[in-house]
C-alpha atoms as a PDB file:
ATOM      1  CA  MET A   1     101.686  90.066  94.839  1.00  0.00           C
ATOM      2  CA  CYS A   2     103.036  89.678  98.335  1.00  0.00           C
ATOM      3  CA  ARG A   3     102.828  92.443 100.883  1.00  0.00           C
ATOM      4  CA  LEU A   4     106.014  93.905 102.335  1.00  0.00           C
ATOM      5  CA  SER A   5     105.816  94.065 106.123  1.00  0.00           C
ATOM      6  CA  VAL A   6     108.910  94.720 108.213  1.00  0.00           C
ATOM      7  CA  PRO A   7     109.239  92.210 111.071  1.00  0.00           C
ATOM      8  CA  SER A   8     109.251  93.690 114.574  1.00  0.00           C
ATOM      9  CA  LEU A   9     112.223  92.466 116.552  1.00  0.00           C
ATOM     10  CA  SER A  10     113.274  93.179 120.110  1.00  0.00           C
ATOM     11  CA  ASP A  11     116.757  92.713 121.482  1.00  0.00           C
ATOM     12  CA  GLY A  12     117.065  89.407 123.276  1.00  0.00           C
ATOM     13  CA  GLY A  13     119.717  87.844 125.433  1.00  0.00           C
ATOM     14  CA  ASP A  14     122.409  85.475 124.217  1.00  0.00           C
ATOM     15  CA  ASP A  15     121.280  81.862 124.091  1.00  0.00           C
ATOM     16  CA  PRO A  16     123.397  78.717 123.842  1.00  0.00           C
ATOM     17  CA  ALA A  17     124.033  77.754 120.214  1.00  0.00           C
ATOM     18  CA  PRO A  18     121.447  75.175 119.051  1.00  0.00           C
ATOM     19  CA  ASP A  19     122.183  72.152 116.926  1.00  0.00           C
ATOM     20  CA  GLU A  20     123.020  73.877 113.637  1.00  0.00           C
ATOM     21  CA  ASP A  21     123.023  70.600 111.729  1.00  0.00           C
ATOM     22  CA  SER A  22     119.359  70.137 112.704  1.00  0.00           C
ATOM     23  CA  ALA A  23     118.690  73.759 111.809  1.00  0.00           C
ATOM     24  CA  ASP A  24     120.208  73.286 108.334  1.00  0.00           C
ATOM     25  CA  ARG A  25     117.965  70.306 107.739  1.00  0.00           C
ATOM     26  CA  LEU A  26     114.911  72.253 108.874  1.00  0.00           C
ATOM     27  CA  VAL A  27     115.752  75.077 106.482  1.00  0.00           C
ATOM     28  CA  LEU A  28     116.179  72.769 103.485  1.00  0.00           C
ATOM     29  CA  GLY A  29     113.890  69.884 104.353  1.00  0.00           C
ATOM     30  CA  GLY A  30     110.941  71.697 105.880  1.00  0.00           C
ATOM     31  CA  LEU A  31     109.296  71.606 109.282  1.00  0.00           C
ATOM     32  CA  PRO A  32     107.528  68.670 110.919  1.00  0.00           C
ATOM     33  CA  ASP A  33     103.761  68.512 110.414  1.00  0.00           C
ATOM     34  CA  GLU A  34     102.935  69.942 113.852  1.00  0.00           C
ATOM     35  CA  HIS A  35     104.730  73.192 112.952  1.00  0.00           C
ATOM     36  CA  ARG A  36     103.663  73.636 109.335  1.00  0.00           C
ATOM     37  CA  GLN A  37     100.653  75.823 110.195  1.00  0.00           C
ATOM     38  CA  THR A  38     102.680  78.288 112.256  1.00  0.00           C
ATOM     39  CA  ARG A  39     102.453  81.678 110.549  1.00  0.00           C
ATOM     40  CA  SER A  40     106.065  82.557 111.345  1.00  0.00           C
ATOM     41  CA  VAL A  41     108.840  80.313 110.024  1.00  0.00           C
ATOM     42  CA  GLY A  42     111.171  81.746 112.670  1.00  0.00           C
ATOM     43  CA  LEU A  43     108.691  80.908 115.427  1.00  0.00           C
ATOM     44  CA  ALA A  44     108.295  77.370 114.090  1.00  0.00           C
ATOM     45  CA  VAL A  45     112.080  76.879 114.077  1.00  0.00           C
ATOM     46  CA  GLN A  46     112.283  78.297 117.596  1.00  0.00           C
ATOM     47  CA  ARG A  47     109.725  75.772 118.834  1.00  0.00           C
ATOM     48  CA  GLN A  48     111.218  72.822 116.962  1.00  0.00           C
ATOM     49  CA  LEU A  49     114.762  73.485 118.217  1.00  0.00           C
ATOM     50  CA  GLY A  50     113.714  74.556 121.705  1.00  0.00           C
ATOM     51  CA  LEU A  51     115.350  77.981 121.482  1.00  0.00           C
ATOM     52  CA  GLY A  52     114.955  80.471 124.309  1.00  0.00           C
ATOM     53  CA  ASN A  53     113.795  83.389 122.168  1.00  0.00           C
ATOM     54  CA  TYR A  54     112.555  84.231 118.697  1.00  0.00           C
ATOM     55  CA  GLU A  55     115.467  86.531 117.807  1.00  0.00           C
ATOM     56  CA  THR A  56     117.919  83.608 117.903  1.00  0.00           C
ATOM     57  CA  ALA A  57     115.828  81.620 115.403  1.00  0.00           C
ATOM     58  CA  TRP A  58     115.325  84.684 113.204  1.00  0.00           C
ATOM     59  CA  MET A  59     119.059  85.404 113.125  1.00  0.00           C
ATOM     60  CA  MET A  60     119.932  81.761 112.373  1.00  0.00           C
ATOM     61  CA  LEU A  61     117.575  81.713 109.404  1.00  0.00           C
ATOM     62  CA  HIS A  62     119.034  84.935 108.043  1.00  0.00           C
ATOM     63  CA  LYS A  63     122.578  83.639 108.456  1.00  0.00           C
ATOM     64  CA  PHE A  64     121.593  80.573 106.426  1.00  0.00           C
ATOM     65  CA  ARG A  65     120.087  82.773 103.705  1.00  0.00           C
ATOM     66  CA  ARG A  66     123.263  84.816 103.510  1.00  0.00           C
ATOM     67  CA  ALA A  67     125.230  81.598 102.996  1.00  0.00           C
ATOM     68  CA  MET A  68     123.100  80.509 100.036  1.00  0.00           C
ATOM     69  CA  VAL A  69     124.959  82.552  97.404  1.00  0.00           C
ATOM     70  CA  ASN A  70     127.920  80.917  95.679  1.00  0.00           C
ATOM     71  CA  VAL A  71     129.908  83.804  94.211  1.00  0.00           C
ATOM     72  CA  SER A  72     131.761  81.382  91.908  1.00  0.00           C
ATOM     73  CA  ARG A  73     128.605  79.765  90.510  1.00  0.00           C
ATOM     74  CA  GLU A  74     128.394  79.171  86.768  1.00  0.00           C
ATOM     75  CA  ALA A  75     126.417  81.774  84.836  1.00  0.00           C
ATOM     76  CA  LEU A  76     123.240  80.779  83.002  1.00  0.00           C
ATOM     77  CA  ARG A  77     123.842  79.638  79.440  1.00  0.00           C
ATOM     78  CA  GLY A  78     122.085  78.443  76.300  1.00  0.00           C
ATOM     79  CA  GLU A  79     118.588  79.864  75.909  1.00  0.00           C
ATOM     80  CA  VAL A  80     117.494  82.195  78.708  1.00  0.00           C
ATOM     81  CA  GLU A  81     114.179  83.956  79.317  1.00  0.00           C
ATOM     82  CA  VAL A  82     114.240  87.290  81.160  1.00  0.00           C
ATOM     83  CA  ASP A  83     111.324  89.199  82.684  1.00  0.00           C
ATOM     84  CA  ASP A  84     110.635  91.650  85.504  1.00  0.00           C
ATOM     85  CA  THR A  85     108.045  91.798  88.259  1.00  0.00           C
ATOM     86  CA  TRP A  86     106.944  93.960  91.159  1.00  0.00           C
ATOM     87  CA  ILE A  87     107.057  92.450  94.627  1.00  0.00           C
ATOM     88  CA  GLY A  88     104.740  94.335  96.912  1.00  0.00           C
ATOM     89  CA  GLY A  89     101.962  95.171  94.510  1.00  0.00           C
ATOM     90  CA  THR A  90     101.342  98.134  92.241  1.00  0.00           C
ATOM     91  CA  GLN A  91     100.869 101.704  93.434  1.00  0.00           C
ATOM     92  CA  ALA A  92      97.396 103.015  92.642  1.00  0.00           C
ATOM     93  CA  GLY A  93      97.253 105.536  89.831  1.00  0.00           C
ATOM     94  CA  LEU A  94     100.837 104.979  88.646  1.00  0.00           C
ATOM     95  CA  ARG A  95     102.008 103.076  85.580  1.00  0.00           C
ATOM     96  CA  GLY A  96     105.350 101.841  84.272  1.00  0.00           C
ATOM     97  CA  SER A  97     108.430 103.616  85.588  1.00  0.00           C
ATOM     98  CA  ARG A  98     106.230 105.958  87.637  1.00  0.00           C
ATOM     99  CA  GLN A  99     105.856 103.000  90.026  1.00  0.00           C
ATOM    100  CA  LEU A 100     109.397 103.760  91.205  1.00  0.00           C
ATOM    101  CA  LYS A 101     108.200 106.912  92.964  1.00  0.00           C
ATOM    102  CA  GLY A 102     108.205 106.330  96.697  1.00  0.00           C
ATOM    103  CA  ARG A 103     109.598 102.797  96.227  1.00  0.00           C
ATOM    104  CA  LYS A 104     106.611 101.168  97.920  1.00  0.00           C
ATOM    105  CA  ALA A 105     107.141  98.092  95.765  1.00  0.00           C
ATOM    106  CA  ALA A 106     110.397  96.375  94.818  1.00  0.00           C
ATOM    107  CA  LEU A 107     111.390  95.774  91.216  1.00  0.00           C
ATOM    108  CA  VAL A 108     112.876  92.325  90.593  1.00  0.00           C
ATOM    109  CA  LEU A 109     114.540  90.975  87.448  1.00  0.00           C
ATOM    110  CA  VAL A 110     114.342  87.235  86.758  1.00  0.00           C
ATOM    111  CA  ALA A 111     116.383  85.087  84.348  1.00  0.00           C
ATOM    112  CA  VAL A 112     115.511  81.444  83.635  1.00  0.00           C
ATOM    113  CA  GLU A 113     117.386  78.819  81.610  1.00  0.00           C
ATOM    114  CA  LYS A 114     115.284  77.046  78.989  1.00  0.00           C
ATOM    115  CA  ARG A 115     115.712  73.281  78.844  1.00  0.00           C
ATOM    116  CA  GLY A 116     113.243  72.342  76.155  1.00  0.00           C
ATOM    117  CA  GLN A 117     109.834  73.041  77.660  1.00  0.00           C
ATOM    118  CA  ALA A 118     111.222  72.750  81.177  1.00  0.00           C
ATOM    119  CA  THR A 119     112.839  75.252  83.529  1.00  0.00           C
ATOM    120  CA  GLY A 120     116.544  75.045  84.303  1.00  0.00           C
ATOM    121  CA  ARG A 121     118.426  77.244  86.734  1.00  0.00           C
ATOM    122  CA  VAL A 122     117.183  80.693  87.712  1.00  0.00           C
ATOM    123  CA  CYS A 123     118.666  83.984  88.920  1.00  0.00           C
ATOM    124  CA  MET A 124     116.761  86.791  90.646  1.00  0.00           C
ATOM    125  CA  GLU A 125     117.870  90.229  91.771  1.00  0.00           C
ATOM    126  CA  VAL A 126     116.306  93.417  93.111  1.00  0.00           C
ATOM    127  CA  ILE A 127     117.050  96.250  90.670  1.00  0.00           C
ATOM    128  CA  PRO A 128     116.546 100.032  90.988  1.00  0.00           C
ATOM    129  CA  ASP A 129     115.051 100.780  87.557  1.00  0.00           C
ATOM    130  CA  PHE A 130     114.395  99.630  83.971  1.00  0.00           C
ATOM    131  CA  LYS A 131     117.370 101.460  82.452  1.00  0.00           C
ATOM    132  CA  ALA A 132     119.403  99.672  79.779  1.00  0.00           C
ATOM    133  CA  ALA A 133     122.586  99.907  81.857  1.00  0.00           C
ATOM    134  CA  THR A 134     120.833  98.236  84.824  1.00  0.00           C
ATOM    135  CA  LEU A 135     119.456  95.358  82.751  1.00  0.00           C
ATOM    136  CA  LEU A 136     122.758  94.844  80.949  1.00  0.00           C
ATOM    137  CA  GLY A 137     124.639  94.798  84.253  1.00  0.00           C
ATOM    138  CA  PHE A 138     122.333  92.037  85.499  1.00  0.00           C
ATOM    139  CA  LEU A 139     122.815  90.000  82.323  1.00  0.00           C
ATOM    140  CA  LYS A 140     126.605  90.336  82.363  1.00  0.00           C
ATOM    141  CA  LYS A 141     126.616  89.171  85.974  1.00  0.00           C
ATOM    142  CA  HIS A 142     124.294  86.194  85.573  1.00  0.00           C
ATOM    143  CA  VAL A 143     124.229  85.109  81.884  1.00  0.00           C
ATOM    144  CA  SER A 144     127.157  83.784  79.828  1.00  0.00           C
ATOM    145  CA  PRO A 145     128.138  85.637  76.622  1.00  0.00           C
ATOM    146  CA  GLY A 146     126.714  83.936  73.548  1.00  0.00           C
ATOM    147  CA  ALA A 147     123.466  82.956  75.241  1.00  0.00           C
ATOM    148  CA  LYS A 148     120.218  83.578  73.357  1.00  0.00           C
ATOM    149  CA  ILE A 149     118.016  85.839  75.470  1.00  0.00           C
ATOM    150  CA  TYR A 150     114.227  85.967  75.121  1.00  0.00           C
ATOM    151  CA  THR A 151     112.497  89.112  76.395  1.00  0.00           C
ATOM    152  CA  ASP A 152     109.322  91.107  76.005  1.00  0.00           C
ATOM    153  CA  GLY A 153     109.347  94.281  73.929  1.00  0.00           C
ATOM    154  CA  LEU A 154     110.879  96.576  76.564  1.00  0.00           C
ATOM    155  CA  LYS A 155     113.099  99.068  74.699  1.00  0.00           C
ATOM    156  CA  SER A 156     115.829  98.885  77.341  1.00  0.00           C
ATOM    157  CA  TYR A 157     116.835  95.473  75.953  1.00  0.00           C
ATOM    158  CA  VAL A 158     117.756  96.957  72.565  1.00  0.00           C
ATOM    159  CA  GLY A 159     121.460  96.520  71.813  1.00  0.00           C
ATOM    160  CA  LEU A 160     122.067  93.141  73.462  1.00  0.00           C
ATOM    161  CA  GLU A 161     123.525  91.800  70.208  1.00  0.00           C
ATOM    162  CA  GLU A 162     126.339  94.355  70.430  1.00  0.00           C
ATOM    163  CA  GLU A 163     127.142  92.962  73.890  1.00  0.00           C
ATOM    164  CA  GLY A 164     127.604  89.413  72.603  1.00  0.00           C
ATOM    165  CA  TYR A 165     124.134  87.989  73.228  1.00  0.00           C
ATOM    166  CA  GLY A 166     121.559  86.620  70.852  1.00  0.00           C
ATOM    167  CA  HIS A 167     118.259  88.425  71.387  1.00  0.00           C
ATOM    168  CA  VAL A 168     114.681  87.482  70.577  1.00  0.00           C
ATOM    169  CA  SER A 169     112.250  90.273  71.473  1.00  0.00           C
ATOM    170  CA  ARG A 170     108.497  89.780  71.247  1.00  0.00           C
ATOM    171  CA  ILE A 171     105.569  91.906  72.380  1.00  0.00           C
ATOM    172  CA  GLN A 172     103.982  90.529  75.555  1.00  0.00           C
ATOM    173  CA  PRO A 173     100.169  90.176  75.395  1.00  0.00           C
ATOM    174  CA  SER A 174      98.137  92.375  77.715  1.00  0.00           C
ATOM    175  CA  ARG A 175      97.051  91.079  81.110  1.00  0.00           C
ATOM    176  CA  ALA A 176      93.503  90.750  79.829  1.00  0.00           C
ATOM    177  CA  GLU A 177      94.712  88.625  76.904  1.00  0.00           C
ATOM    178  CA  LEU A 178      96.842  86.480  79.193  1.00  0.00           C
ATOM    179  CA  ARG A 179      93.846  85.863  81.458  1.00  0.00           C
ATOM    180  CA  LYS A 180      91.888  84.714  78.401  1.00  0.00           C
ATOM    181  CA  GLY A 181      94.520  82.090  77.609  1.00  0.00           C
ATOM    182  CA  THR A 182      96.941  83.870  75.275  1.00  0.00           C
ATOM    183  CA  LYS A 183     100.426  82.475  75.811  1.00  0.00           C
ATOM    184  CA  SER A 184     103.161  84.568  77.381  1.00  0.00           C
ATOM    185  CA  VAL A 185     106.241  85.275  75.256  1.00  0.00           C
ATOM    186  CA  VAL A 186     108.403  84.316  78.281  1.00  0.00           C
ATOM    187  CA  PRO A 187     106.377  81.479  79.861  1.00  0.00           C
ATOM    188  CA  LEU A 188     109.189  79.953  81.929  1.00  0.00           C
ATOM    189  CA  ALA A 189     110.147  83.303  83.447  1.00  0.00           C
ATOM    190  CA  ASP A 190     106.498  83.996  84.231  1.00  0.00           C
ATOM    191  CA  ARG A 191     106.181  80.571  85.846  1.00  0.00           C
ATOM    192  CA  ALA A 192     109.210  81.246  88.027  1.00  0.00           C
ATOM    193  CA  ILE A 193     107.765  84.623  89.043  1.00  0.00           C
ATOM    194  CA  GLY A 194     104.448  83.008  89.937  1.00  0.00           C
ATOM    195  CA  ASN A 195     106.191  80.334  91.997  1.00  0.00           C
ATOM    196  CA  LEU A 196     108.225  83.010  93.791  1.00  0.00           C
ATOM    197  CA  GLN A 197     105.158  85.038  94.685  1.00  0.00           C
ATOM    198  CA  GLN A 198     103.261  81.987  95.935  1.00  0.00           C
ATOM    199  CA  TRP A 199     106.290  80.899  97.985  1.00  0.00           C
ATOM    200  CA  LEU A 200     106.698  84.328  99.604  1.00  0.00           C
ATOM    201  CA  ILE A 201     103.015  84.533 100.470  1.00  0.00           C
ATOM    202  CA  GLY A 202     102.533  80.900 101.485  1.00  0.00           C
ATOM    203  CA  THR A 203     105.747  80.495 103.466  1.00  0.00           C
ATOM    204  CA  TYR A 204     106.494  83.936 104.889  1.00  0.00           C
ATOM    205  CA  HIS A 205     103.185  85.851 104.517  1.00  0.00           C
ATOM    206  CA  GLY A 206     105.167  88.906 103.451  1.00  0.00           C
ATOM    207  CA  VAL A 207     108.807  89.958 103.854  1.00  0.00           C
ATOM    208  CA  SER A 208     110.513  93.283 104.466  1.00  0.00           C
ATOM    209  CA  LYS A 209     111.622  95.269 101.454  1.00  0.00           C
ATOM    210  CA  GLU A 210     115.101  95.720 102.941  1.00  0.00           C
ATOM    211  CA  GLN A 211     115.628  91.955 103.345  1.00  0.00           C
ATOM    212  CA  LEU A 212     113.962  90.912 100.077  1.00  0.00           C
ATOM    213  CA  GLN A 213     117.212  90.067  98.257  1.00  0.00           C
ATOM    214  CA  VAL A 214     118.167  87.324 100.729  1.00  0.00           C
ATOM    215  CA  TYR A 215     114.722  85.753 100.337  1.00  0.00           C
ATOM    216  CA  LEU A 216     115.257  85.786  96.577  1.00  0.00           C
ATOM    217  CA  ASP A 217     118.617  84.108  97.193  1.00  0.00           C
ATOM    218  CA  GLU A 218     116.892  81.423  99.274  1.00  0.00           C
ATOM    219  CA  PHE A 219     114.291  80.786  96.579  1.00  0.00           C
ATOM    220  CA  VAL A 220     117.007  80.530  93.908  1.00  0.00           C
ATOM    221  CA  PHE A 221     119.099  78.191  96.069  1.00  0.00           C
ATOM    222  CA  ARG A 222     116.121  75.894  96.669  1.00  0.00           C
ATOM    223  CA  HIS A 223     114.953  75.966  93.048  1.00  0.00           C
ATOM    224  CA  ASN A 224     118.351  75.261  91.524  1.00  0.00           C
ATOM    225  CA  ARG A 225     118.873  72.272  93.835  1.00  0.00           C
ATOM    226  CA  ARG A 226     115.278  71.041  94.001  1.00  0.00           C
ATOM    227  CA  LYS A 227     116.157  67.640  92.532  1.00  0.00           C
ATOM    228  CA  GLN A 228     119.093  67.050  94.898  1.00  0.00           C
ATOM    229  CA  PRO A 229     118.055  68.087  98.429  1.00  0.00           C
ATOM    230  CA  MET A 230     120.888  66.257 100.175  1.00  0.00           C
ATOM    231  CA  ALA A 231     123.426  67.856  97.848  1.00  0.00           C
ATOM    232  CA  ALA A 232     121.841  71.198  98.735  1.00  0.00           C
ATOM    233  CA  PHE A 233     122.375  70.422 102.421  1.00  0.00           C
ATOM    234  CA  GLN A 234     126.055  69.675 101.849  1.00  0.00           C
ATOM    235  CA  THR A 235     126.442  72.752  99.642  1.00  0.00           C
ATOM    236  CA  LEU A 236     124.935  74.991 102.328  1.00  0.00           C
ATOM    237  CA  LEU A 237     127.336  73.621 104.924  1.00  0.00           C
ATOM    238  CA  GLY A 238     130.284  74.198 102.595  1.00  0.00           C
ATOM    239  CA  LEU A 239     129.254  77.719 101.638  1.00  0.00           C
ATOM    240  CA  GLY A 240     128.672  78.589 105.279  1.00  0.00           C
ATOM    241  CA  THR A 241     132.294  77.879 106.145  1.00  0.00           C
ATOM    242  CA  THR A 242     133.461  80.519 103.635  1.00  0.00           C
ATOM    243  CA  LYS A 243     131.327  83.364 105.021  1.00  0.00           C
ATOM    244  CA  ALA A 244     132.648  85.907 107.477  1.00  0.00           C
ATOM    245  CA  PRO A 245     130.583  86.334 110.680  1.00  0.00           C
ATOM    246  CA  THR A 246     127.699  88.784 110.361  1.00  0.00           C
ATOM    247  CA  PRO A 247     126.632  90.532 113.614  1.00  0.00           C
ATOM    248  CA  TYR A 248     122.980  90.547 114.637  1.00  0.00           C
ATOM    249  CA  GLN A 249     122.605  94.333 114.401  1.00  0.00           C
ATOM    250  CA  GLN A 250     124.027  94.311 110.876  1.00  0.00           C
ATOM    251  CA  ILE A 251     121.588  91.581 109.831  1.00  0.00           C
ATOM    252  CA  ARG A 252     118.658  93.258 111.545  1.00  0.00           C
ATOM    253  CA  GLY A 253     119.300  96.518 109.740  1.00  0.00           C
ATOM    254  CA  ALA A 254     120.098  94.783 106.422  1.00  0.00           C
ATOM    255  CA  ALA A 255     123.340  96.782 106.419  1.00  0.00           C
ATOM    256  CA  ASP A 256     125.198  93.921 104.706  1.00  0.00           C
ATOM    257  CA  ILE A 257     122.805  93.773 101.731  1.00  0.00           C
ATOM    258  CA  PRO A 258     123.863  95.949  98.763  1.00  0.00           C
ATOM    259  CA  LYS A 259     121.263  98.565  97.912  1.00  0.00           C
ATOM    260  CA  PRO A 260     119.866  98.332  94.341  1.00  0.00           C
END
């Protein structure tokens, strides 16, 4: 699990706009070797682009993340695995829904298209709870009617057939059994969750709980376009032109991100 640490930002002066085309390519293509070991992605971008302060790089990266959601994107279809995870680790002494007390960790729902044994597109969203209405709202938003949905045995998924979905529910083995080699009932969703956690830890070394959704959006954007990086670059430029300006203070306070 990744830790959730809120970045400390100070107000900086206005700097000349850097080369945003170069910044786009850094976001999608990665940093040069001399900057890969920098613990802060924002600091690495600041150094690579020669920006006057860190806040400018931080804001640019967050503006890019906010442009990575295509509201008209096609919903997932066919066979889809769905599973949940905690980002931020478990709270000692609490199990199941009791983890929601204090909201020290964030609950994330993940849906993954099955393409044979391979992973297709994914969707990820921070959710407030495990209630049936919450899970159904996520599915209606991200999965096409008629899709066959594979889940674990969580009771909140009961009734999906009445909503127009096929549903295959199977009991997930315990963590101890999984560690011994027993197969997960939603292996592609679990793989996507593992990749997300490794990416958050390896790339960002922890993100703030308030900004988590835009990091999920970045992961989804990268994953769904992983085989066409140049198309991803063009898509990001196109999506960016449709977004209204977002002020720094609004981004800093995550005021533009809907609360789960």
